[in-house]
Protein backbone atom coordinates (compact mmCIF):
# COMPACT_ATOMS: atom_id res chain seq x y z
CA UNK A 1 0.09 -0.27 0.07
CA UNK A 2 1.11 3.38 -1.00
CA UNK A 3 -0.33 6.32 0.53
CA UNK A 4 -0.56 9.17 -1.96
CA UNK A 5 0.58 11.60 0.16
CA UNK A 6 4.24 9.74 0.04
CA UNK A 7 4.26 9.87 -4.01
CA UNK A 8 7.45 11.79 -3.38
CA UNK A 9 9.65 9.25 -1.59
CA UNK A 10 10.49 6.26 -3.69
CA UNK A 11 9.92 3.30 -0.77
CA UNK A 12 6.28 1.96 -0.31
CA UNK A 13 4.13 1.78 3.07
CA UNK A 14 3.70 -1.37 3.59
CA UNK A 15 1.02 -2.88 5.83
CA UNK A 16 1.07 -5.96 7.51
CA UNK A 17 -3.18 -6.29 7.97
CA UNK A 18 -5.71 -9.69 9.21
CA UNK A 19 -7.51 -8.96 6.33
CA UNK A 20 -10.62 -11.75 6.58
CA UNK A 21 -11.14 -10.03 10.91
CA UNK A 22 -10.04 -6.50 10.43
CA UNK A 23 -11.25 -5.84 6.97
CA UNK A 24 -9.16 -2.70 4.66
CA UNK A 25 -8.22 0.62 6.79
CA UNK A 26 -10.24 3.27 6.19
CA UNK A 27 -8.11 5.28 3.76
CA UNK A 28 -10.69 5.73 1.59
CA UNK A 29 -8.83 7.74 -1.45
CA UNK A 30 -5.33 7.51 -0.46
CA UNK A 31 -3.62 5.00 -1.60
CA UNK A 32 -1.79 5.36 -5.50
CA UNK A 33 -0.78 1.75 -5.28
CA UNK A 34 -2.04 -1.82 -4.14
CA UNK A 35 -0.62 -5.18 -4.69
CA UNK A 36 -2.86 -8.19 -3.86
CA UNK A 37 -1.21 -11.61 -4.54
CA UNK A 38 -2.69 -15.17 -3.76
CA UNK A 39 -5.85 -13.13 -1.50
CA UNK A 40 -9.16 -12.74 -2.19
CA UNK A 41 -11.83 -12.39 -0.78
CA UNK A 42 -14.85 -9.91 -2.93
CA UNK A 43 -15.43 -7.01 0.06
CA UNK A 44 -12.11 -6.56 0.82
CA UNK A 45 -10.91 -6.04 -3.23
CA UNK A 46 -14.13 -3.98 -3.18
CA UNK A 47 -13.34 -1.70 -0.56
CA UNK A 48 -8.93 -1.72 -1.57
CA UNK A 49 -9.86 -0.46 -4.91
CA UNK A 50 -11.99 2.72 -3.50
CA UNK A 51 -9.28 3.51 -1.58
CA UNK A 52 -7.15 4.51 -4.39
CA UNK A 53 -6.68 7.98 -6.23
CA UNK A 54 -6.92 8.96 -9.33
CA UNK A 55 -3.94 7.29 -11.30
CA UNK A 56 -3.56 5.09 -8.71
CA UNK A 57 -3.07 1.25 -9.67
CA UNK A 58 -3.89 -2.19 -8.49
CA UNK A 59 -2.55 -5.27 -9.38
CA UNK A 60 -4.49 -8.57 -8.38
CA UNK A 61 -3.43 -11.86 -8.75
CA UNK A 62 -5.56 -14.74 -7.31
CA UNK A 63 -4.17 -18.35 -6.24
CA UNK A 64 -3.86 -20.59 -7.99
CA UNK A 65 -6.11 -23.69 -9.09
CA UNK A 66 -4.50 -26.97 -6.64
CA UNK A 67 -6.15 -29.07 -4.34
CA UNK A 68 -9.35 -27.42 -2.99
CA UNK A 69 -8.23 -23.91 -3.75
CA UNK A 70 -11.26 -23.85 -5.67
CA UNK A 71 -13.60 -22.36 -2.49
CA UNK A 72 -10.98 -19.43 -2.50
CA UNK A 73 -10.68 -18.61 -6.57
CA UNK A 74 -13.07 -15.64 -7.28
CA UNK A 75 -16.26 -16.39 -9.13
CA UNK A 76 -16.69 -15.12 -12.64
CA UNK A 77 -17.02 -12.20 -13.58
CA UNK A 78 -16.71 -11.04 -9.65
CA UNK A 79 -13.52 -9.63 -10.36
CA UNK A 80 -14.15 -7.59 -13.80
CA UNK A 81 -16.99 -6.16 -12.53
CA UNK A 82 -15.20 -4.25 -9.56
CA UNK A 83 -13.17 -2.56 -12.37
CA UNK A 84 -15.89 -0.07 -13.76
CA UNK A 85 -14.36 3.53 -13.41
CA UNK A 86 -10.67 1.16 -13.97
CA UNK A 87 -8.50 1.61 -17.20
CA UNK A 88 -7.48 -2.31 -17.41
CA UNK A 89 -4.42 -3.06 -18.87
CA UNK A 90 -4.11 -6.94 -17.58
CA UNK A 91 -6.66 -9.70 -17.51
CA UNK A 92 -6.44 -12.53 -17.51
CA UNK A 93 -9.09 -15.58 -16.33
CA UNK A 94 -9.28 -19.17 -17.12
CA UNK A 95 -12.30 -21.26 -15.65
CA UNK A 96 -10.92 -23.43 -11.94
CA UNK A 97 -10.72 -27.04 -13.31
CA UNK A 98 -12.97 -28.67 -10.29
CA UNK A 99 -15.39 -25.82 -10.32
CA UNK A 100 -16.65 -24.06 -13.05
CA UNK A 101 -18.60 -21.06 -11.64
CA UNK A 102 -15.10 -19.98 -10.17
CA UNK A 103 -11.81 -18.37 -12.29
CA UNK A 104 -7.84 -17.97 -11.68
CA UNK A 105 -7.19 -14.11 -12.53
CA UNK A 106 -5.15 -11.95 -12.86
CA UNK A 107 -5.66 -8.07 -13.18
CA UNK A 108 -3.58 -4.84 -13.38
CA UNK A 109 -5.34 -1.50 -13.87
CA UNK A 110 -5.22 2.05 -13.57
CA UNK A 111 -8.01 4.29 -11.94
CA UNK A 112 -9.83 6.88 -14.35
């Protein structure tokens, strides 16, 4: 997470947080970048996207489809539906082998 006030600082502020029990931080419009890898919770991702400033970026990558991971994968279109108001530069999605309603997905987007 890179707070907008630190744009001149080349170092990112890394925040360690239990997103499941604590949820996303209340920093609406205060972040210039979010990298969320191998973690997915629809509400947390939605809140994270709201915290981005115009021109802020998000990189999201779901977990892979191994073992019983399909339970934790996004449903088809859930992530892309959240991209309204974003310029999506990269979007990759493939169906889970065990549950065709779930997907493995990667997205890189910039908030308009």
